[in-house]
Amino acid sequence: MSIDDKGAPYSLHGFNAIYLPKIGWYRVDARGNKKELTLNFFLPKNV
């Protein structure tokens, strides 16, 4: 996918979710940990 269909620069956007039977779809961030960013998964409190 490129901005003008002629090659770079490229733009890509992702959206991730998991299905929890008691909650439904729950959005998650799949970028992973970096030095300046820590991403942990916590279940919603009402599960």
Protein backbone atom coordinates (compact mmCIF):
# COMPACT_ATOMS: atom_id res chain seq x y z
CA MET A 1 0.00 0.00 0.00
CA SER A 2 1.54 3.30 -0.99
CA ILE A 3 0.18 6.80 -0.56
CA ASP A 4 -0.13 7.49 -4.30
CA ASP A 5 0.10 3.91 -5.72
CA LYS A 6 3.52 4.71 -7.25
CA GLY A 7 5.77 3.14 -4.62
CA ALA A 8 7.26 4.57 -1.44
CA PRO A 9 6.40 6.21 0.95
CA TYR A 10 4.27 3.46 2.39
CA SER A 11 1.50 3.70 4.93
CA LEU A 12 0.15 0.72 6.86
CA HIS A 13 -2.28 0.73 9.76
CA GLY A 14 -3.20 -2.32 11.81
CA PHE A 15 -6.02 -2.94 14.26
CA ASN A 16 -5.93 -5.96 16.59
CA ALA A 17 -8.54 -7.41 18.89
CA ILE A 18 -9.17 -10.66 20.72
CA TYR A 19 -12.56 -12.18 21.43
CA LEU A 20 -13.34 -12.77 25.12
CA PRO A 21 -16.54 -14.83 25.47
CA LYS A 22 -17.85 -12.88 28.50
CA ILE A 23 -16.82 -9.45 27.16
CA GLY A 24 -16.84 -9.60 23.38
CA TRP A 25 -14.13 -8.02 21.23
CA TYR A 26 -11.28 -6.47 23.27
CA ARG A 27 -8.78 -4.22 21.49
CA VAL A 28 -5.07 -4.92 22.08
CA ASP A 29 -1.87 -3.17 21.03
CA ALA A 30 0.47 -5.55 19.19
CA ARG A 31 3.43 -3.17 18.80
CA GLY A 32 5.44 -4.93 21.49
CA ASN A 33 7.70 -3.49 24.15
CA LYS A 34 10.38 -0.94 23.39
CA LYS A 35 12.77 0.98 25.58
CA GLU A 36 10.38 3.96 25.70
CA LEU A 37 7.10 1.98 25.63
CA THR A 38 5.89 -0.95 27.74
CA LEU A 39 2.72 -2.70 26.61
CA ASN A 40 1.19 -5.22 28.97
CA PHE A 41 -2.03 -7.18 28.60
CA PHE A 42 -4.53 -6.94 31.44
CA LEU A 43 -7.96 -8.54 31.34
CA PRO A 44 -10.88 -6.18 31.93
CA LYS A 45 -11.86 -6.17 35.61
CA ASN A 46 -15.38 -7.46 34.91
CA VAL A 47 -14.23 -10.77 33.37
